[in-house]
């Protein structure tokens, strides 16, 4: 059985929470970025958090957000993990950690070359997330990360079909999947269940 965790990201309907509760991934993600079609308000996030099984940790996805916005969601116990998806610096991360010492901080890096991985290696975040880009739904060149020397979360282009191969090749800390468990732009219960099952099997 695989030890790799899985996050289902981009929940925005109450039925999405119901689907996730059936599958029981390790993490569920809420997007707080107005330019995303999956963006939700604080009010919506509160409803979704209440609807989710308490054993599922929640991750808030932010793009160059202020400390105030992030802290408010954490202090209301709506999110457990902060995922930074913009151009946030190591100084910003360190400052956020001082304010929220109990919340883990993840930082996303778009991987196009070995140079991008060198930047990710020096991140001040608790965990780095390696992705192809902002919701592109495509894999980056996985050969680039064969020798990556710190634990990481793999994202971008993951589907129930390629999850076992990703785990076998890289044994990532976690997998982050969003569009790969959608049909016609919304979460698909069958795909969510299949993705979580694939991650558990490895």
N, C-alpha and C. Protein backbone atom coordinates (compact mmCIF):
# COMPACT_ATOMS: atom_id res chain seq x y z
N UNK A 1 0.85 -1.21 0.00
CA UNK A 1 0.00 0.00 0.00
C UNK A 1 0.88 1.25 0.00
N UNK A 2 0.53 2.20 -0.82
CA UNK A 2 1.33 3.42 -0.96
C UNK A 2 1.23 4.31 0.27
N UNK A 3 2.33 5.00 0.57
CA UNK A 3 2.32 5.99 1.65
C UNK A 3 2.11 7.40 1.11
N UNK A 4 2.06 7.53 -0.22
CA UNK A 4 1.85 8.84 -0.84
C UNK A 4 0.44 9.35 -0.54
N UNK A 5 0.36 10.59 -0.10
CA UNK A 5 -0.93 11.19 0.21
C UNK A 5 -1.54 11.79 -1.06
N UNK A 6 -2.81 12.13 -0.99
CA UNK A 6 -3.47 12.73 -2.16
C UNK A 6 -4.37 13.87 -1.74
N UNK A 7 -4.34 14.91 -2.57
CA UNK A 7 -5.17 16.09 -2.36
C UNK A 7 -6.09 16.27 -3.56
N UNK A 8 -7.37 16.44 -3.29
CA UNK A 8 -8.34 16.78 -4.32
C UNK A 8 -8.57 18.29 -4.21
N UNK A 9 -8.18 19.02 -5.24
CA UNK A 9 -8.20 20.48 -5.16
C UNK A 9 -9.33 21.08 -5.98
N UNK A 10 -9.71 22.29 -5.59
CA UNK A 10 -10.69 23.05 -6.36
C UNK A 10 -12.14 22.74 -6.07
N UNK A 11 -12.46 22.38 -4.82
CA UNK A 11 -13.86 22.16 -4.46
C UNK A 11 -14.60 23.49 -4.45
N UNK A 12 -15.78 23.53 -5.05
CA UNK A 12 -16.55 24.77 -4.98
C UNK A 12 -18.06 24.55 -4.86
N UNK A 13 -18.50 23.29 -4.87
CA UNK A 13 -19.91 22.98 -4.66
C UNK A 13 -20.05 22.08 -3.44
N UNK A 14 -21.20 22.12 -2.79
CA UNK A 14 -21.40 21.26 -1.63
C UNK A 14 -21.33 19.79 -2.03
N UNK A 15 -21.78 19.47 -3.24
CA UNK A 15 -21.70 18.07 -3.67
C UNK A 15 -20.25 17.63 -3.84
N UNK A 16 -19.33 18.58 -4.12
CA UNK A 16 -17.91 18.24 -4.20
C UNK A 16 -17.44 17.70 -2.85
N UNK A 17 -17.89 18.33 -1.78
CA UNK A 17 -17.52 17.87 -0.43
C UNK A 17 -18.09 16.48 -0.17
N UNK A 18 -19.30 16.23 -0.65
CA UNK A 18 -19.90 14.91 -0.48
C UNK A 18 -19.10 13.84 -1.22
N UNK A 19 -18.67 14.18 -2.45
CA UNK A 19 -17.86 13.23 -3.22
C UNK A 19 -16.56 12.92 -2.50
N UNK A 20 -15.92 13.97 -2.00
CA UNK A 20 -14.64 13.81 -1.31
C UNK A 20 -14.82 12.99 -0.02
N UNK A 21 -15.91 13.21 0.67
CA UNK A 21 -16.17 12.43 1.88
C UNK A 21 -16.30 10.94 1.58
N UNK A 22 -16.82 10.61 0.42
CA UNK A 22 -16.95 9.20 0.03
C UNK A 22 -15.58 8.59 -0.25
N UNK A 23 -14.69 9.39 -0.84
CA UNK A 23 -13.37 8.88 -1.24
C UNK A 23 -12.33 8.97 -0.12
N UNK A 24 -12.47 9.95 0.76
CA UNK A 24 -11.56 10.18 1.89
C UNK A 24 -10.09 10.35 1.49
N UNK A 25 -9.78 11.38 0.68
CA UNK A 25 -8.38 11.72 0.44
C UNK A 25 -7.78 12.33 1.72
N UNK A 26 -6.49 12.60 1.69
CA UNK A 26 -5.83 13.20 2.86
C UNK A 26 -6.12 14.69 2.95
N UNK A 27 -6.23 15.34 1.78
CA UNK A 27 -6.41 16.79 1.73
C UNK A 27 -7.50 17.15 0.73
N UNK A 28 -8.17 18.27 1.02
CA UNK A 28 -9.11 18.88 0.08
C UNK A 28 -8.71 20.34 -0.07
N UNK A 29 -8.72 20.83 -1.31
CA UNK A 29 -8.23 22.18 -1.56
C UNK A 29 -9.32 23.16 -1.94
N UNK A 30 -9.22 24.38 -1.39
CA UNK A 30 -10.10 25.49 -1.74
C UNK A 30 -9.26 26.57 -2.41
N UNK A 31 -9.75 27.12 -3.49
CA UNK A 31 -9.02 28.14 -4.22
C UNK A 31 -9.55 29.53 -3.88
N UNK A 32 -8.65 30.41 -3.45
CA UNK A 32 -9.00 31.79 -3.12
C UNK A 32 -8.23 32.71 -4.08
N UNK A 33 -8.66 32.70 -5.32
CA UNK A 33 -8.01 33.48 -6.37
C UNK A 33 -9.08 33.90 -7.36
N UNK A 34 -9.44 35.17 -7.37
CA UNK A 34 -10.57 35.65 -8.18
C UNK A 34 -10.51 35.27 -9.66
N UNK A 35 -9.33 35.10 -10.21
CA UNK A 35 -9.22 34.79 -11.63
C UNK A 35 -9.43 33.31 -11.95
N UNK A 36 -9.59 32.50 -10.92
CA UNK A 36 -9.83 31.07 -11.13
C UNK A 36 -11.32 30.79 -11.20
N UNK A 37 -11.71 29.89 -12.08
CA UNK A 37 -13.12 29.51 -12.15
C UNK A 37 -13.55 28.71 -10.93
N UNK A 38 -12.58 28.26 -10.16
CA UNK A 38 -12.88 27.50 -8.94
C UNK A 38 -12.81 28.39 -7.69
N UNK A 39 -12.67 29.68 -7.89
CA UNK A 39 -12.56 30.61 -6.76
C UNK A 39 -13.81 30.57 -5.89
N UNK A 40 -13.60 30.58 -4.56
CA UNK A 40 -14.73 30.63 -3.63
C UNK A 40 -14.52 31.74 -2.61
N UNK A 41 -15.62 32.17 -2.01
CA UNK A 41 -15.59 33.20 -0.98
C UNK A 41 -15.34 32.57 0.39
N UNK A 42 -15.09 33.41 1.35
CA UNK A 42 -14.92 32.93 2.73
C UNK A 42 -16.19 32.22 3.19
N UNK A 43 -17.34 32.77 2.85
CA UNK A 43 -18.62 32.17 3.25
C UNK A 43 -18.79 30.78 2.64
N UNK A 44 -18.47 30.66 1.35
CA UNK A 44 -18.55 29.35 0.70
C UNK A 44 -17.57 28.36 1.33
N UNK A 45 -16.37 28.85 1.63
CA UNK A 45 -15.35 27.99 2.22
C UNK A 45 -15.79 27.46 3.58
N UNK A 46 -16.42 28.30 4.35
CA UNK A 46 -16.91 27.88 5.67
C UNK A 46 -17.94 26.77 5.54
N UNK A 47 -18.85 26.90 4.58
CA UNK A 47 -19.86 25.87 4.36
C UNK A 47 -19.23 24.55 3.91
N UNK A 48 -18.23 24.66 3.03
CA UNK A 48 -17.56 23.46 2.55
C UNK A 48 -16.78 22.77 3.66
N UNK A 49 -16.09 23.57 4.48
CA UNK A 49 -15.33 23.00 5.59
C UNK A 49 -16.26 22.25 6.55
N UNK A 50 -17.41 22.82 6.83
CA UNK A 50 -18.37 22.17 7.73
C UNK A 50 -18.92 20.89 7.12
N UNK A 51 -19.01 20.87 5.79
CA UNK A 51 -19.56 19.70 5.11
C UNK A 51 -18.53 18.57 4.98
N UNK A 52 -17.25 18.90 5.06
CA UNK A 52 -16.21 17.89 4.90
C UNK A 52 -16.01 17.07 6.17
N UNK A 53 -15.62 15.83 5.99
CA UNK A 53 -15.26 14.98 7.12
C UNK A 53 -14.11 15.64 7.87
N UNK A 54 -14.16 15.68 9.20
CA UNK A 54 -13.11 16.37 9.97
C UNK A 54 -11.72 15.77 9.82
N UNK A 55 -11.63 14.52 9.37
CA UNK A 55 -10.32 13.89 9.21
C UNK A 55 -9.60 14.37 7.95
N UNK A 56 -10.31 15.05 7.06
CA UNK A 56 -9.71 15.55 5.83
C UNK A 56 -9.16 16.95 6.08
N UNK A 57 -7.86 17.11 5.92
CA UNK A 57 -7.23 18.43 6.12
C UNK A 57 -7.55 19.33 4.92
N UNK A 58 -7.74 20.60 5.19
CA UNK A 58 -8.07 21.54 4.13
C UNK A 58 -6.87 22.42 3.79
N UNK A 59 -6.72 22.68 2.49
CA UNK A 59 -5.62 23.48 1.97
C UNK A 59 -6.20 24.69 1.25
N UNK A 60 -5.73 25.88 1.62
CA UNK A 60 -6.15 27.09 0.94
C UNK A 60 -5.12 27.50 -0.09
N UNK A 61 -5.55 27.67 -1.33
CA UNK A 61 -4.65 28.05 -2.42
C UNK A 61 -4.75 29.56 -2.64
N UNK A 62 -3.61 30.24 -2.52
CA UNK A 62 -3.56 31.70 -2.62
C UNK A 62 -2.54 32.12 -3.68
N UNK A 63 -2.83 33.20 -4.37
CA UNK A 63 -1.91 33.75 -5.35
C UNK A 63 -1.63 35.21 -4.99
N UNK A 64 -0.45 35.44 -4.42
CA UNK A 64 -0.03 36.79 -4.02
C UNK A 64 -1.06 37.48 -3.13
N UNK A 65 -1.64 36.72 -2.22
CA UNK A 65 -2.62 37.26 -1.28
C UNK A 65 -1.91 37.97 -0.13
N UNK A 66 -2.66 38.77 0.60
CA UNK A 66 -2.11 39.47 1.76
C UNK A 66 -2.07 38.55 2.98
N UNK A 67 -1.23 38.92 3.93
CA UNK A 67 -1.24 38.19 5.19
C UNK A 67 -2.64 38.18 5.81
N UNK A 68 -3.32 39.31 5.73
CA UNK A 68 -4.63 39.45 6.36
C UNK A 68 -5.61 38.42 5.85
N UNK A 69 -5.67 38.25 4.54
CA UNK A 69 -6.61 37.29 3.95
C UNK A 69 -6.29 35.87 4.38
N UNK A 70 -5.02 35.53 4.34
CA UNK A 70 -4.62 34.17 4.70
C UNK A 70 -4.87 33.88 6.17
N UNK A 71 -4.48 34.82 7.02
CA UNK A 71 -4.61 34.64 8.46
C UNK A 71 -6.07 34.50 8.87
N UNK A 72 -6.95 35.27 8.26
CA UNK A 72 -8.37 35.19 8.61
C UNK A 72 -8.92 33.79 8.39
N UNK A 73 -8.59 33.19 7.28
CA UNK A 73 -9.09 31.85 6.97
C UNK A 73 -8.50 30.80 7.90
N UNK A 74 -7.24 30.98 8.26
CA UNK A 74 -6.62 30.03 9.19
C UNK A 74 -7.18 30.17 10.60
N UNK A 75 -7.36 31.40 11.04
CA UNK A 75 -7.84 31.64 12.41
C UNK A 75 -9.28 31.18 12.61
N UNK A 76 -10.04 31.12 11.52
CA UNK A 76 -11.41 30.60 11.60
C UNK A 76 -11.45 29.09 11.42
N UNK A 77 -10.27 28.48 11.34
CA UNK A 77 -10.14 27.03 11.19
C UNK A 77 -10.80 26.52 9.91
N UNK A 78 -10.85 27.36 8.89
CA UNK A 78 -11.39 26.95 7.60
C UNK A 78 -10.33 26.17 6.83
N UNK A 79 -9.08 26.60 6.94
CA UNK A 79 -8.00 25.88 6.28
C UNK A 79 -6.91 25.51 7.29
N UNK A 80 -6.27 24.37 7.02
CA UNK A 80 -5.19 23.88 7.87
C UNK A 80 -3.82 24.15 7.27
N UNK A 81 -3.75 24.12 5.94
CA UNK A 81 -2.49 24.28 5.22
C UNK A 81 -2.60 25.45 4.25
N UNK A 82 -1.57 26.27 4.20
CA UNK A 82 -1.51 27.40 3.27
C UNK A 82 -0.68 27.00 2.06
N UNK A 83 -1.28 27.08 0.87
CA UNK A 83 -0.54 26.80 -0.37
C UNK A 83 -0.39 28.09 -1.16
N UNK A 84 0.84 28.52 -1.33
CA UNK A 84 1.14 29.77 -2.03
C UNK A 84 1.45 29.47 -3.49
N UNK A 85 0.71 30.12 -4.38
CA UNK A 85 0.79 29.77 -5.79
C UNK A 85 1.23 30.94 -6.66
N UNK A 86 1.75 31.99 -6.03
CA UNK A 86 2.17 33.17 -6.79
C UNK A 86 3.66 33.38 -6.73
N UNK A 87 4.05 34.65 -6.65
CA UNK A 87 5.47 34.98 -6.62
C UNK A 87 5.98 35.26 -5.21
N UNK A 88 5.38 34.61 -4.22
CA UNK A 88 5.74 34.87 -2.82
C UNK A 88 7.21 34.51 -2.56
N UNK A 89 7.90 35.41 -1.88
CA UNK A 89 9.33 35.22 -1.59
C UNK A 89 9.53 34.39 -0.33
N UNK A 90 10.78 33.98 -0.12
CA UNK A 90 11.13 33.28 1.12
C UNK A 90 10.89 34.19 2.33
N UNK A 91 11.09 35.49 2.14
CA UNK A 91 10.85 36.42 3.24
C UNK A 91 9.36 36.47 3.60
N UNK A 92 8.52 36.44 2.58
CA UNK A 92 7.07 36.41 2.82
C UNK A 92 6.69 35.13 3.57
N UNK A 93 7.25 34.02 3.15
CA UNK A 93 6.96 32.74 3.79
C UNK A 93 7.40 32.76 5.24
N UNK A 94 8.58 33.26 5.50
CA UNK A 94 9.08 33.32 6.88
C UNK A 94 8.21 34.21 7.75
N UNK A 95 7.75 35.34 7.19
CA UNK A 95 6.87 36.23 7.93
C UNK A 95 5.55 35.58 8.24
N UNK A 96 5.02 34.84 7.27
CA UNK A 96 3.74 34.14 7.47
C UNK A 96 3.88 33.07 8.54
N UNK A 97 5.00 32.38 8.55
CA UNK A 97 5.22 31.33 9.55
C UNK A 97 5.26 31.92 10.97
N UNK A 98 5.79 33.11 11.10
CA UNK A 98 5.81 33.77 12.42
C UNK A 98 4.40 34.06 12.92
N UNK A 99 3.51 34.40 11.99
CA UNK A 99 2.12 34.71 12.35
C UNK A 99 1.31 33.44 12.57
N UNK A 100 1.60 32.42 11.77
CA UNK A 100 0.82 31.17 11.81
C UNK A 100 1.76 29.98 12.06
N UNK A 101 2.33 29.88 13.25
CA UNK A 101 3.31 28.82 13.50
C UNK A 101 2.74 27.41 13.47
N UNK A 102 1.43 27.27 13.60
CA UNK A 102 0.83 25.93 13.65
C UNK A 102 0.36 25.44 12.28
N UNK A 103 0.37 26.32 11.29
CA UNK A 103 -0.10 25.94 9.96
C UNK A 103 1.08 25.65 9.03
N UNK A 104 1.02 24.52 8.34
CA UNK A 104 2.05 24.20 7.35
C UNK A 104 1.91 25.12 6.15
N UNK A 105 3.04 25.42 5.52
CA UNK A 105 3.06 26.28 4.35
C UNK A 105 3.67 25.51 3.17
N UNK A 106 2.91 25.44 2.09
CA UNK A 106 3.40 24.84 0.85
C UNK A 106 3.63 25.95 -0.17
N UNK A 107 4.61 25.77 -1.01
CA UNK A 107 4.88 26.74 -2.07
C UNK A 107 4.95 26.02 -3.41
N UNK A 108 4.22 26.53 -4.38
CA UNK A 108 4.17 25.94 -5.71
C UNK A 108 5.25 26.54 -6.61
N UNK A 109 5.89 25.68 -7.37
CA UNK A 109 6.89 26.10 -8.36
C UNK A 109 6.54 25.51 -9.72
N UNK A 110 6.51 26.36 -10.72
CA UNK A 110 6.30 25.91 -12.09
C UNK A 110 7.62 25.40 -12.63
N UNK A 111 7.62 24.16 -13.09
CA UNK A 111 8.86 23.51 -13.52
C UNK A 111 8.94 23.47 -15.04
N UNK A 112 9.92 24.20 -15.55
CA UNK A 112 10.18 24.20 -16.98
C UNK A 112 11.60 23.72 -17.30
N UNK A 113 12.48 23.83 -16.31
CA UNK A 113 13.88 23.46 -16.52
C UNK A 113 14.52 23.11 -15.19
N UNK A 114 15.75 22.62 -15.26
CA UNK A 114 16.50 22.29 -14.04
C UNK A 114 16.71 23.52 -13.17
N UNK A 115 16.78 24.69 -13.80
CA UNK A 115 16.96 25.93 -13.05
C UNK A 115 15.79 26.19 -12.11
N UNK A 116 14.58 25.86 -12.55
CA UNK A 116 13.40 26.03 -11.70
C UNK A 116 13.49 25.14 -10.47
N UNK A 117 14.04 23.95 -10.63
CA UNK A 117 14.18 23.03 -9.50
C UNK A 117 15.20 23.55 -8.49
N UNK A 118 16.24 24.23 -8.97
CA UNK A 118 17.23 24.80 -8.06
C UNK A 118 16.58 25.84 -7.15
N UNK A 119 15.65 26.62 -7.69
CA UNK A 119 14.92 27.60 -6.89
C UNK A 119 14.06 26.89 -5.86
N UNK A 120 13.36 25.83 -6.29
CA UNK A 120 12.48 25.08 -5.38
C UNK A 120 13.26 24.45 -4.24
N UNK A 121 14.47 24.00 -4.52
CA UNK A 121 15.28 23.37 -3.48
C UNK A 121 15.55 24.30 -2.30
N UNK A 122 15.64 25.59 -2.57
CA UNK A 122 16.00 26.55 -1.53
C UNK A 122 14.78 27.22 -0.91
N UNK A 123 13.59 26.72 -1.19
CA UNK A 123 12.37 27.32 -0.66
C UNK A 123 12.32 27.23 0.86
N UNK A 124 11.80 28.29 1.48
CA UNK A 124 11.61 28.31 2.93
C UNK A 124 10.33 27.60 3.36
N UNK A 125 9.54 27.14 2.40
CA UNK A 125 8.27 26.48 2.71
C UNK A 125 8.50 25.12 3.36
N UNK A 126 7.50 24.65 4.08
CA UNK A 126 7.56 23.31 4.69
C UNK A 126 7.59 22.23 3.61
N UNK A 127 6.91 22.50 2.51
CA UNK A 127 6.84 21.54 1.42
C UNK A 127 6.75 22.29 0.10
N UNK A 128 7.39 21.77 -0.93
CA UNK A 128 7.29 22.39 -2.25
C UNK A 128 6.37 21.55 -3.13
N UNK A 129 5.61 22.24 -3.97
CA UNK A 129 4.70 21.60 -4.91
C UNK A 129 5.21 21.89 -6.31
N UNK A 130 5.48 20.84 -7.06
CA UNK A 130 6.05 20.98 -8.40
C UNK A 130 4.94 20.79 -9.43
N UNK A 131 4.76 21.80 -10.28
CA UNK A 131 3.59 21.84 -11.16
C UNK A 131 4.00 22.28 -12.56
N UNK A 132 3.09 22.09 -13.50
CA UNK A 132 3.33 22.52 -14.87
C UNK A 132 2.92 23.97 -15.10
N UNK A 133 2.07 24.50 -14.23
CA UNK A 133 1.60 25.87 -14.41
C UNK A 133 0.26 26.06 -13.74
N UNK A 134 -0.34 27.18 -13.93
CA UNK A 134 -1.58 27.52 -13.24
C UNK A 134 -2.78 26.81 -13.88
N UNK A 135 -3.03 25.59 -13.41
CA UNK A 135 -4.21 24.88 -13.86
C UNK A 135 -4.19 24.45 -15.31
N UNK A 136 -3.00 24.14 -15.84
CA UNK A 136 -2.91 23.75 -17.25
C UNK A 136 -3.49 22.36 -17.50
N UNK A 137 -3.49 21.53 -16.45
CA UNK A 137 -4.00 20.18 -16.61
C UNK A 137 -3.07 19.26 -17.38
N UNK A 138 -1.80 19.65 -17.54
CA UNK A 138 -0.83 18.85 -18.26
C UNK A 138 0.39 18.56 -17.40
N UNK A 139 1.04 17.44 -17.66
CA UNK A 139 2.26 17.09 -16.94
C UNK A 139 3.43 17.93 -17.45
N UNK A 140 4.37 18.25 -16.57
CA UNK A 140 5.63 18.80 -17.03
C UNK A 140 6.57 17.61 -17.32
N UNK A 141 7.78 17.90 -17.71
CA UNK A 141 8.74 16.85 -18.03
C UNK A 141 9.22 16.20 -16.73
N UNK A 142 8.64 15.05 -16.41
CA UNK A 142 8.96 14.38 -15.14
C UNK A 142 10.42 13.95 -15.05
N UNK A 143 11.10 13.81 -16.18
CA UNK A 143 12.50 13.39 -16.12
C UNK A 143 13.37 14.40 -15.38
N UNK A 144 12.90 15.64 -15.30
CA UNK A 144 13.66 16.69 -14.62
C UNK A 144 13.78 16.44 -13.12
N UNK A 145 12.85 15.70 -12.54
CA UNK A 145 12.81 15.58 -11.07
C UNK A 145 13.34 14.25 -10.55
N UNK A 146 13.99 13.49 -11.40
CA UNK A 146 14.48 12.17 -10.96
C UNK A 146 15.46 12.27 -9.80
N UNK A 147 16.23 13.34 -9.76
CA UNK A 147 17.24 13.48 -8.71
C UNK A 147 16.92 14.63 -7.75
N UNK A 148 15.66 15.03 -7.71
CA UNK A 148 15.28 16.13 -6.81
C UNK A 148 15.45 15.67 -5.37
N UNK A 149 16.12 16.49 -4.55
CA UNK A 149 16.64 16.00 -3.27
C UNK A 149 15.82 16.40 -2.04
N UNK A 150 14.60 16.90 -2.21
CA UNK A 150 13.79 17.16 -1.02
C UNK A 150 12.37 16.64 -1.26
N UNK A 151 11.65 16.31 -0.20
CA UNK A 151 10.28 15.82 -0.37
C UNK A 151 9.43 16.85 -1.13
N UNK A 152 8.50 16.35 -1.93
CA UNK A 152 7.71 17.27 -2.74
C UNK A 152 6.32 16.71 -3.01
N UNK A 153 5.46 17.61 -3.45
CA UNK A 153 4.13 17.27 -3.90
C UNK A 153 4.13 17.39 -5.42
N UNK A 154 3.59 16.41 -6.10
CA UNK A 154 3.55 16.41 -7.56
C UNK A 154 2.17 16.83 -8.04
N UNK A 155 2.14 17.76 -9.00
CA UNK A 155 0.87 18.25 -9.54
C UNK A 155 1.01 18.46 -11.04
N UNK A 156 -0.12 18.62 -11.70
CA UNK A 156 -0.12 18.92 -13.12
C UNK A 156 -0.33 17.69 -13.98
N UNK A 157 -1.50 17.57 -14.58
CA UNK A 157 -1.75 16.48 -15.52
C UNK A 157 -1.97 15.12 -14.91
N UNK A 158 -2.17 15.06 -13.60
CA UNK A 158 -2.41 13.77 -12.96
C UNK A 158 -3.84 13.29 -13.22
N UNK A 159 -3.97 12.00 -13.43
CA UNK A 159 -5.27 11.36 -13.62
C UNK A 159 -5.26 10.03 -12.87
N UNK A 160 -6.41 9.42 -12.66
CA UNK A 160 -6.43 8.09 -12.03
C UNK A 160 -5.55 7.09 -12.77
N UNK A 161 -5.38 7.30 -14.08
CA UNK A 161 -4.62 6.36 -14.90
C UNK A 161 -3.11 6.47 -14.70
N UNK A 162 -2.59 7.70 -14.54
CA UNK A 162 -1.12 7.83 -14.44
C UNK A 162 -0.61 7.97 -13.01
N UNK A 163 -1.52 8.00 -12.04
CA UNK A 163 -1.11 8.11 -10.63
C UNK A 163 -0.19 6.96 -10.20
N UNK A 164 -0.52 5.70 -10.49
CA UNK A 164 0.39 4.61 -10.06
C UNK A 164 1.81 4.76 -10.59
N UNK A 165 1.94 5.20 -11.85
CA UNK A 165 3.26 5.39 -12.43
C UNK A 165 4.02 6.52 -11.74
N UNK A 166 3.31 7.59 -11.41
CA UNK A 166 3.95 8.73 -10.72
C UNK A 166 4.48 8.29 -9.36
N UNK A 167 3.70 7.50 -8.65
CA UNK A 167 4.14 7.03 -7.33
C UNK A 167 5.32 6.08 -7.45
N UNK A 168 5.24 5.18 -8.42
CA UNK A 168 6.32 4.20 -8.61
C UNK A 168 7.64 4.87 -8.96
N UNK A 169 7.57 5.90 -9.80
CA UNK A 169 8.80 6.57 -10.24
C UNK A 169 9.41 7.47 -9.18
N UNK A 170 8.57 8.20 -8.44
CA UNK A 170 9.09 9.29 -7.62
C UNK A 170 8.76 9.22 -6.13
N UNK A 171 7.82 8.38 -5.76
CA UNK A 171 7.40 8.29 -4.35
C UNK A 171 7.24 9.67 -3.73
N UNK A 172 6.41 10.54 -4.32
CA UNK A 172 6.25 11.89 -3.78
C UNK A 172 5.55 11.87 -2.43
N UNK A 173 5.72 12.95 -1.67
CA UNK A 173 4.99 13.06 -0.41
C UNK A 173 3.49 13.02 -0.66
N UNK A 174 3.06 13.71 -1.71
CA UNK A 174 1.64 13.76 -2.03
C UNK A 174 1.43 14.05 -3.51
N UNK A 175 0.22 13.79 -3.96
CA UNK A 175 -0.22 14.14 -5.31
C UNK A 175 -1.34 15.16 -5.18
N UNK A 176 -1.33 16.13 -6.09
CA UNK A 176 -2.35 17.20 -6.08
C UNK A 176 -3.08 17.13 -7.42
N UNK A 177 -4.37 16.85 -7.37
CA UNK A 177 -5.14 16.65 -8.60
C UNK A 177 -6.42 17.48 -8.56
N UNK A 178 -6.73 18.11 -9.68
CA UNK A 178 -7.93 18.94 -9.77
C UNK A 178 -8.69 18.65 -11.06
N UNK A 179 -8.19 19.15 -12.19
CA UNK A 179 -8.90 18.94 -13.45
C UNK A 179 -8.92 17.47 -13.85
N UNK A 180 -7.98 16.69 -13.35
CA UNK A 180 -7.93 15.26 -13.66
C UNK A 180 -9.06 14.46 -13.05
N UNK A 181 -9.81 15.08 -12.13
CA UNK A 181 -10.99 14.40 -11.56
C UNK A 181 -12.25 15.21 -11.87
N UNK A 182 -12.25 15.85 -13.03
CA UNK A 182 -13.41 16.63 -13.46
C UNK A 182 -13.94 16.12 -14.79
N UNK A 183 -15.23 16.34 -15.00
CA UNK A 183 -15.88 16.11 -16.29
C UNK A 183 -16.69 17.36 -16.61
N UNK A 184 -16.46 17.91 -17.78
CA UNK A 184 -17.17 19.14 -18.18
C UNK A 184 -16.99 20.28 -17.17
N UNK A 185 -15.78 20.36 -16.60
CA UNK A 185 -15.44 21.48 -15.73
C UNK A 185 -15.90 21.39 -14.29
N UNK A 186 -16.48 20.27 -13.90
CA UNK A 186 -16.90 20.11 -12.50
C UNK A 186 -16.41 18.76 -11.98
N UNK A 187 -16.32 18.66 -10.67
CA UNK A 187 -15.81 17.44 -10.06
C UNK A 187 -16.70 16.25 -10.38
N UNK A 188 -16.04 15.13 -10.65
CA UNK A 188 -16.70 13.88 -11.03
C UNK A 188 -16.48 12.86 -9.91
N UNK A 189 -17.56 12.42 -9.30
CA UNK A 189 -17.48 11.53 -8.15
C UNK A 189 -16.70 10.25 -8.48
N UNK A 190 -16.98 9.67 -9.64
CA UNK A 190 -16.32 8.42 -10.02
C UNK A 190 -14.82 8.61 -10.19
N UNK A 191 -14.43 9.72 -10.81
CA UNK A 191 -13.01 10.00 -11.02
C UNK A 191 -12.30 10.28 -9.70
N UNK A 192 -12.95 10.99 -8.79
CA UNK A 192 -12.36 11.26 -7.47
C UNK A 192 -12.09 9.95 -6.74
N UNK A 193 -13.07 9.09 -6.74
CA UNK A 193 -12.92 7.81 -6.05
C UNK A 193 -11.80 6.99 -6.69
N UNK A 194 -11.74 7.00 -8.03
CA UNK A 194 -10.71 6.24 -8.74
C UNK A 194 -9.31 6.79 -8.45
N UNK A 195 -9.19 8.12 -8.37
CA UNK A 195 -7.89 8.73 -8.10
C UNK A 195 -7.39 8.40 -6.71
N UNK A 196 -8.26 8.50 -5.74
CA UNK A 196 -7.87 8.18 -4.36
C UNK A 196 -7.51 6.70 -4.24
N UNK A 197 -8.30 5.85 -4.86
CA UNK A 197 -8.03 4.42 -4.82
C UNK A 197 -6.67 4.11 -5.47
N UNK A 198 -6.38 4.78 -6.59
CA UNK A 198 -5.10 4.58 -7.27
C UNK A 198 -3.93 5.02 -6.41
N UNK A 199 -4.09 6.13 -5.70
CA UNK A 199 -3.04 6.63 -4.81
C UNK A 199 -2.82 5.68 -3.64
N UNK A 200 -3.88 5.12 -3.14
CA UNK A 200 -3.75 4.19 -1.99
C UNK A 200 -3.02 2.91 -2.42
N UNK A 201 -3.32 2.45 -3.62
CA UNK A 201 -2.67 1.23 -4.11
C UNK A 201 -1.21 1.47 -4.47
N UNK A 202 -0.97 2.68 -5.01
CA UNK A 202 0.37 2.98 -5.49
C UNK A 202 0.61 2.25 -6.79
